[in-house]
Amino acid sequence: MIAAEARASGLPMLLPDSGAAAEHLVKGAGHHYLSASAVSLALTIKRIADEGVAAHRAVARDAAPDTRLMDTHFEDLFRLYGNAGERSFQISNPPRYVPQSHRRPPRAVGIQTRSGGAWRSSRPL
């Protein structure tokens, strides 16, 4: 799941060479390392550092052209919901918060039972 999100977001990746994540690597946007090999992972990290992350990042972004920045996403949301949000907060008599310690306990209510086809209410104790 993380590899799919990284690919969709245009991020370079270091992924194991086996397993479900392996297929998400975009050629030129990161590298595979040998699964379960710390040495291979360390060498791959060094390799991508030596090559420069910027080149891998550019390839990854080009592979995900529809990816929007988070700021753009929120600007669009605020523009979309801006007017609706302003209308929803215009309340003529806003509810007043009453702390739990100041609230009245609920009134006791009698129990209704059915006896012989008619409803009967009993008194609360």
N, C-alpha and C. Protein backbone atom coordinates (compact mmCIF):
# COMPACT_ATOMS: atom_id res chain seq x y z
N MET A 1 0.82 -1.19 0.00
CA MET A 1 0.00 0.00 0.00
C MET A 1 0.87 1.26 0.00
N ILE A 2 1.90 1.26 0.82
CA ILE A 2 2.77 2.43 0.90
C ILE A 2 3.48 2.66 -0.42
N ALA A 3 3.94 1.60 -1.06
CA ALA A 3 4.62 1.73 -2.35
C ALA A 3 3.66 2.29 -3.40
N ALA A 4 2.42 1.88 -3.39
CA ALA A 4 1.43 2.39 -4.35
C ALA A 4 1.18 3.88 -4.11
N GLU A 5 1.09 4.28 -2.86
CA GLU A 5 0.88 5.70 -2.54
C GLU A 5 2.10 6.52 -2.93
N ALA A 6 3.29 6.00 -2.68
CA ALA A 6 4.51 6.72 -3.05
C ALA A 6 4.59 6.89 -4.57
N ARG A 7 4.25 5.84 -5.29
CA ARG A 7 4.28 5.93 -6.76
C ARG A 7 3.26 6.96 -7.25
N ALA A 8 2.06 6.92 -6.70
CA ALA A 8 1.03 7.87 -7.12
C ALA A 8 1.38 9.31 -6.73
N SER A 9 2.19 9.46 -5.69
CA SER A 9 2.59 10.79 -5.23
C SER A 9 3.85 11.29 -5.91
N GLY A 10 4.46 10.47 -6.75
CA GLY A 10 5.65 10.90 -7.46
C GLY A 10 6.90 10.91 -6.60
N LEU A 11 7.03 9.93 -5.71
CA LEU A 11 8.19 9.84 -4.83
C LEU A 11 9.11 8.70 -5.27
N PRO A 12 10.42 8.92 -5.25
CA PRO A 12 11.34 7.82 -5.56
C PRO A 12 11.32 6.80 -4.43
N MET A 13 11.62 5.53 -4.76
CA MET A 13 11.51 4.47 -3.76
C MET A 13 12.70 3.53 -3.79
N LEU A 14 12.98 2.94 -2.64
CA LEU A 14 13.89 1.80 -2.50
C LEU A 14 13.02 0.65 -2.06
N LEU A 15 12.90 -0.38 -2.91
CA LEU A 15 11.98 -1.48 -2.63
C LEU A 15 12.68 -2.83 -2.72
N PRO A 16 12.20 -3.82 -1.95
CA PRO A 16 12.75 -5.16 -2.09
C PRO A 16 12.44 -5.71 -3.48
N ASP A 17 13.29 -6.64 -3.93
CA ASP A 17 13.12 -7.17 -5.29
C ASP A 17 12.05 -8.25 -5.40
N SER A 18 11.42 -8.61 -4.29
CA SER A 18 10.33 -9.59 -4.34
C SER A 18 9.20 -9.09 -3.45
N GLY A 19 8.04 -9.67 -3.66
CA GLY A 19 6.87 -9.25 -2.91
C GLY A 19 6.02 -8.29 -3.71
N ALA A 20 4.90 -7.92 -3.15
CA ALA A 20 3.92 -7.09 -3.87
C ALA A 20 4.43 -5.69 -4.17
N ALA A 21 5.26 -5.14 -3.31
CA ALA A 21 5.74 -3.77 -3.51
C ALA A 21 6.69 -3.65 -4.69
N ALA A 22 7.38 -4.72 -5.03
CA ALA A 22 8.42 -4.68 -6.07
C ALA A 22 7.90 -4.15 -7.40
N GLU A 23 6.67 -4.46 -7.73
CA GLU A 23 6.12 -4.06 -9.03
C GLU A 23 5.81 -2.57 -9.13
N HIS A 24 5.85 -1.85 -8.03
CA HIS A 24 5.51 -0.43 -8.05
C HIS A 24 6.68 0.49 -8.40
N LEU A 25 7.88 -0.05 -8.49
CA LEU A 25 9.03 0.79 -8.79
C LEU A 25 8.99 1.26 -10.23
N VAL A 26 9.10 2.57 -10.42
CA VAL A 26 9.18 3.15 -11.75
C VAL A 26 10.65 3.18 -12.14
N LYS A 27 10.97 2.69 -13.33
CA LYS A 27 12.37 2.64 -13.78
C LYS A 27 12.97 4.05 -13.74
N GLY A 28 14.08 4.17 -13.03
CA GLY A 28 14.77 5.46 -12.92
C GLY A 28 14.32 6.28 -11.73
N ALA A 29 13.33 5.79 -10.99
CA ALA A 29 12.81 6.53 -9.82
C ALA A 29 13.07 5.75 -8.55
N GLY A 30 14.30 5.25 -8.41
CA GLY A 30 14.65 4.47 -7.24
C GLY A 30 15.29 3.17 -7.66
N HIS A 31 15.47 2.26 -6.69
CA HIS A 31 16.13 0.99 -6.98
C HIS A 31 15.52 -0.14 -6.16
N HIS A 32 15.71 -1.36 -6.65
CA HIS A 32 15.38 -2.55 -5.87
C HIS A 32 16.63 -2.97 -5.09
N TYR A 33 16.42 -3.61 -3.97
CA TYR A 33 17.50 -4.26 -3.22
C TYR A 33 17.09 -5.70 -2.98
N LEU A 34 18.05 -6.55 -2.64
CA LEU A 34 17.76 -7.96 -2.40
C LEU A 34 16.93 -8.10 -1.12
N SER A 35 15.81 -8.77 -1.23
CA SER A 35 14.93 -8.95 -0.08
C SER A 35 15.67 -9.57 1.10
N ALA A 36 15.37 -9.09 2.29
CA ALA A 36 15.91 -9.62 3.55
C ALA A 36 17.43 -9.49 3.64
N SER A 37 18.01 -8.56 2.91
CA SER A 37 19.46 -8.38 2.96
C SER A 37 19.78 -6.94 3.38
N ALA A 38 20.23 -6.81 4.62
CA ALA A 38 20.59 -5.49 5.13
C ALA A 38 21.77 -4.90 4.35
N VAL A 39 22.70 -5.76 3.94
CA VAL A 39 23.86 -5.30 3.18
C VAL A 39 23.41 -4.74 1.84
N SER A 40 22.52 -5.45 1.16
CA SER A 40 22.00 -4.97 -0.12
C SER A 40 21.26 -3.65 0.03
N LEU A 41 20.47 -3.53 1.08
CA LEU A 41 19.75 -2.27 1.33
C LEU A 41 20.74 -1.14 1.56
N ALA A 42 21.77 -1.38 2.37
CA ALA A 42 22.77 -0.34 2.64
C ALA A 42 23.48 0.09 1.35
N LEU A 43 23.85 -0.87 0.52
CA LEU A 43 24.52 -0.54 -0.75
C LEU A 43 23.58 0.23 -1.68
N THR A 44 22.29 -0.10 -1.66
CA THR A 44 21.32 0.59 -2.50
C THR A 44 21.10 2.02 -2.03
N ILE A 45 21.06 2.21 -0.71
CA ILE A 45 20.94 3.58 -0.17
C ILE A 45 22.15 4.40 -0.60
N LYS A 46 23.36 3.82 -0.49
CA LYS A 46 24.57 4.53 -0.91
C LYS A 46 24.52 4.84 -2.40
N ARG A 47 24.04 3.88 -3.18
CA ARG A 47 23.96 4.06 -4.64
C ARG A 47 23.04 5.22 -5.01
N ILE A 48 21.88 5.28 -4.40
CA ILE A 48 20.95 6.36 -4.75
C ILE A 48 21.48 7.71 -4.25
N ALA A 49 22.19 7.70 -3.12
CA ALA A 49 22.80 8.94 -2.62
C ALA A 49 23.90 9.42 -3.56
N ASP A 50 24.70 8.49 -4.05
CA ASP A 50 25.78 8.84 -4.98
C ASP A 50 25.24 9.35 -6.31
N GLU A 51 24.15 8.76 -6.77
CA GLU A 51 23.55 9.18 -8.05
C GLU A 51 22.84 10.51 -7.93
N GLY A 52 22.38 10.81 -6.75
CA GLY A 52 21.63 12.05 -6.52
C GLY A 52 20.14 11.76 -6.51
N VAL A 53 19.51 12.13 -5.42
CA VAL A 53 18.08 11.88 -5.25
C VAL A 53 17.26 12.73 -6.22
N ALA A 54 17.77 13.90 -6.57
CA ALA A 54 17.00 14.83 -7.41
C ALA A 54 16.61 14.21 -8.75
N ALA A 55 17.52 13.48 -9.37
CA ALA A 55 17.22 12.85 -10.66
C ALA A 55 16.13 11.80 -10.51
N HIS A 56 16.21 11.01 -9.44
CA HIS A 56 15.18 9.99 -9.18
C HIS A 56 13.83 10.66 -8.90
N ARG A 57 13.87 11.75 -8.17
CA ARG A 57 12.63 12.47 -7.83
C ARG A 57 11.98 13.03 -9.10
N ALA A 58 12.79 13.55 -10.01
CA ALA A 58 12.24 14.11 -11.27
C ALA A 58 11.57 13.02 -12.10
N VAL A 59 12.20 11.85 -12.19
CA VAL A 59 11.59 10.74 -12.95
C VAL A 59 10.29 10.31 -12.28
N ALA A 60 10.29 10.21 -10.95
CA ALA A 60 9.08 9.79 -10.22
C ALA A 60 7.95 10.78 -10.43
N ARG A 61 8.24 12.06 -10.39
CA ARG A 61 7.20 13.08 -10.60
C ARG A 61 6.65 13.04 -12.02
N ASP A 62 7.54 12.83 -12.99
CA ASP A 62 7.09 12.74 -14.38
C ASP A 62 6.17 11.53 -14.59
N ALA A 63 6.40 10.47 -13.81
CA ALA A 63 5.58 9.25 -13.92
C ALA A 63 4.22 9.42 -13.26
N ALA A 64 4.07 10.46 -12.45
CA ALA A 64 2.79 10.71 -11.76
C ALA A 64 2.36 12.15 -12.04
N PRO A 65 1.98 12.46 -13.30
CA PRO A 65 1.69 13.86 -13.66
C PRO A 65 0.44 14.44 -13.02
N ASP A 66 -0.48 13.60 -12.56
CA ASP A 66 -1.73 14.11 -12.00
C ASP A 66 -1.63 14.37 -10.50
N THR A 67 -0.46 14.18 -9.93
CA THR A 67 -0.30 14.37 -8.50
C THR A 67 -0.32 15.86 -8.18
N ARG A 68 -1.16 16.23 -7.23
CA ARG A 68 -1.23 17.63 -6.80
C ARG A 68 -0.51 17.79 -5.46
N LEU A 69 0.01 18.96 -5.24
CA LEU A 69 0.61 19.25 -3.95
C LEU A 69 -0.48 19.38 -2.90
N MET A 70 -0.14 19.14 -1.64
CA MET A 70 -1.12 19.21 -0.56
C MET A 70 -1.74 20.61 -0.49
N ASP A 71 -0.92 21.66 -0.68
CA ASP A 71 -1.44 23.02 -0.63
C ASP A 71 -2.49 23.25 -1.71
N THR A 72 -2.25 22.75 -2.90
CA THR A 72 -3.22 22.89 -3.99
C THR A 72 -4.50 22.14 -3.65
N HIS A 73 -4.38 20.97 -3.08
CA HIS A 73 -5.54 20.16 -2.69
C HIS A 73 -6.41 20.94 -1.70
N PHE A 74 -5.80 21.52 -0.66
CA PHE A 74 -6.58 22.24 0.34
C PHE A 74 -7.15 23.55 -0.20
N GLU A 75 -6.42 24.23 -1.08
CA GLU A 75 -6.97 25.43 -1.70
C GLU A 75 -8.24 25.10 -2.48
N ASP A 76 -8.20 23.99 -3.22
CA ASP A 76 -9.38 23.56 -3.97
C ASP A 76 -10.54 23.21 -3.03
N LEU A 77 -10.23 22.52 -1.92
CA LEU A 77 -11.28 22.17 -0.95
C LEU A 77 -11.90 23.42 -0.33
N PHE A 78 -11.06 24.36 0.07
CA PHE A 78 -11.59 25.59 0.69
C PHE A 78 -12.43 26.38 -0.30
N ARG A 79 -12.01 26.41 -1.56
CA ARG A 79 -12.79 27.11 -2.58
C ARG A 79 -14.12 26.39 -2.81
N LEU A 80 -14.09 25.06 -2.86
CA LEU A 80 -15.29 24.28 -3.11
C LEU A 80 -16.30 24.40 -1.98
N TYR A 81 -15.83 24.27 -0.73
CA TYR A 81 -16.73 24.25 0.41
C TYR A 81 -16.84 25.59 1.12
N GLY A 82 -16.10 26.59 0.67
CA GLY A 82 -16.08 27.88 1.36
C GLY A 82 -17.45 28.49 1.56
N ASN A 83 -18.23 28.63 0.51
CA ASN A 83 -19.55 29.25 0.64
C ASN A 83 -20.51 28.40 1.45
N ALA A 84 -20.46 27.11 1.27
CA ALA A 84 -21.35 26.21 2.01
C ALA A 84 -21.04 26.28 3.50
N GLY A 85 -19.75 26.36 3.85
CA GLY A 85 -19.36 26.41 5.25
C GLY A 85 -19.81 27.69 5.92
N GLU A 86 -19.74 28.81 5.21
CA GLU A 86 -20.18 30.08 5.78
C GLU A 86 -21.67 30.06 6.08
N ARG A 87 -22.45 29.46 5.20
CA ARG A 87 -23.90 29.40 5.42
C ARG A 87 -24.25 28.49 6.59
N SER A 88 -23.52 27.39 6.73
CA SER A 88 -23.89 26.41 7.76
C SER A 88 -23.60 26.90 9.17
N PHE A 89 -22.71 27.90 9.32
CA PHE A 89 -22.38 28.37 10.65
C PHE A 89 -23.19 29.61 11.06
N GLN A 90 -24.12 30.04 10.24
CA GLN A 90 -24.96 31.18 10.59
C GLN A 90 -26.20 30.67 11.32
N ILE A 91 -26.10 30.59 12.64
CA ILE A 91 -27.20 30.08 13.47
C ILE A 91 -27.77 31.24 14.25
N SER A 92 -29.09 31.43 14.19
CA SER A 92 -29.70 32.57 14.87
C SER A 92 -29.64 32.41 16.39
N ASN A 93 -29.92 31.24 16.91
CA ASN A 93 -29.83 30.98 18.34
C ASN A 93 -28.88 29.81 18.57
N PRO A 94 -27.57 30.10 18.68
CA PRO A 94 -26.64 28.99 18.85
C PRO A 94 -26.88 28.28 20.17
N PRO A 95 -26.71 26.97 20.21
CA PRO A 95 -26.92 26.23 21.44
C PRO A 95 -25.89 26.65 22.49
N ARG A 96 -26.31 26.70 23.74
CA ARG A 96 -25.43 27.08 24.83
C ARG A 96 -24.87 25.82 25.46
N TYR A 97 -23.58 25.82 25.70
CA TYR A 97 -22.95 24.66 26.32
C TYR A 97 -23.25 24.67 27.81
N VAL A 98 -23.73 23.55 28.31
CA VAL A 98 -24.00 23.39 29.74
C VAL A 98 -23.12 22.25 30.23
N PRO A 99 -22.22 22.52 31.19
CA PRO A 99 -21.37 21.44 31.69
C PRO A 99 -22.20 20.30 32.26
N GLN A 100 -21.69 19.11 32.19
CA GLN A 100 -22.40 17.92 32.68
C GLN A 100 -22.81 18.08 34.14
N SER A 101 -21.97 18.71 34.95
CA SER A 101 -22.27 18.87 36.37
C SER A 101 -23.47 19.78 36.63
N HIS A 102 -23.85 20.62 35.66
CA HIS A 102 -24.97 21.55 35.82
C HIS A 102 -26.26 21.06 35.16
N ARG A 103 -26.22 19.92 34.54
CA ARG A 103 -27.40 19.42 33.83
C ARG A 103 -28.35 18.73 34.81
N ARG A 104 -29.63 18.85 34.54
CA ARG A 104 -30.65 18.17 35.35
C ARG A 104 -30.70 16.71 34.98
N PRO A 105 -30.92 15.86 35.96
CA PRO A 105 -31.08 14.44 35.61
C PRO A 105 -32.37 14.25 34.83
N PRO A 106 -32.43 13.24 33.98
CA PRO A 106 -33.66 13.02 33.21
C PRO A 106 -34.82 12.66 34.13
N ARG A 107 -36.01 13.08 33.71
CA ARG A 107 -37.21 12.77 34.49
C ARG A 107 -37.49 11.28 34.45
N ALA A 108 -37.94 10.79 35.58
CA ALA A 108 -38.33 9.37 35.63
C ALA A 108 -39.60 9.20 34.82
N VAL A 109 -39.65 8.16 34.04
CA VAL A 109 -40.81 7.91 33.19
C VAL A 109 -41.39 6.56 33.56
N GLY A 110 -42.69 6.52 33.59
CA GLY A 110 -43.35 5.25 33.89
C GLY A 110 -43.16 4.25 32.76
N ILE A 111 -43.35 3.00 33.06
CA ILE A 111 -43.19 1.93 32.08
C ILE A 111 -44.57 1.60 31.51
N GLN A 112 -44.64 1.52 30.21
CA GLN A 112 -45.91 1.18 29.58
C GLN A 112 -45.92 -0.31 29.27
N THR A 113 -46.98 -0.95 29.65
CA THR A 113 -47.16 -2.37 29.36
C THR A 113 -48.50 -2.56 28.70
N ARG A 114 -48.65 -3.68 28.05
CA ARG A 114 -49.90 -3.97 27.37
C ARG A 114 -50.56 -5.13 28.10
N SER A 115 -51.77 -4.88 28.53
CA SER A 115 -52.49 -5.91 29.27
C SER A 115 -53.90 -6.01 28.72
N GLY A 116 -54.24 -7.16 28.22
CA GLY A 116 -55.59 -7.35 27.68
C GLY A 116 -55.89 -6.47 26.49
N GLY A 117 -54.88 -6.14 25.68
CA GLY A 117 -55.11 -5.35 24.47
C GLY A 117 -55.05 -3.85 24.71
N ALA A 118 -54.98 -3.40 25.97
CA ALA A 118 -54.93 -1.97 26.25
C ALA A 118 -53.57 -1.62 26.87
N TRP A 119 -53.10 -0.40 26.62
CA TRP A 119 -51.85 0.05 27.20
C TRP A 119 -52.09 0.56 28.60
N ARG A 120 -51.19 0.19 29.53
CA ARG A 120 -51.25 0.67 30.91
C ARG A 120 -49.92 1.30 31.27
N SER A 121 -49.93 2.40 31.97
CA SER A 121 -48.70 3.03 32.43
C SER A 121 -48.54 2.79 33.91
N SER A 122 -47.37 2.40 34.30
CA SER A 122 -47.10 2.25 35.72
C SER A 122 -46.42 3.51 36.22
N ARG A 123 -46.47 3.74 37.49
CA ARG A 123 -45.82 4.92 38.06
C ARG A 123 -44.36 4.64 38.29
N PRO A 124 -43.53 5.68 38.14
CA PRO A 124 -42.12 5.51 38.45
C PRO A 124 -41.92 5.28 39.94
N LEU A 125 -40.90 4.58 40.30
CA LEU A 125 -40.63 4.33 41.73
C LEU A 125 -39.98 5.52 42.36
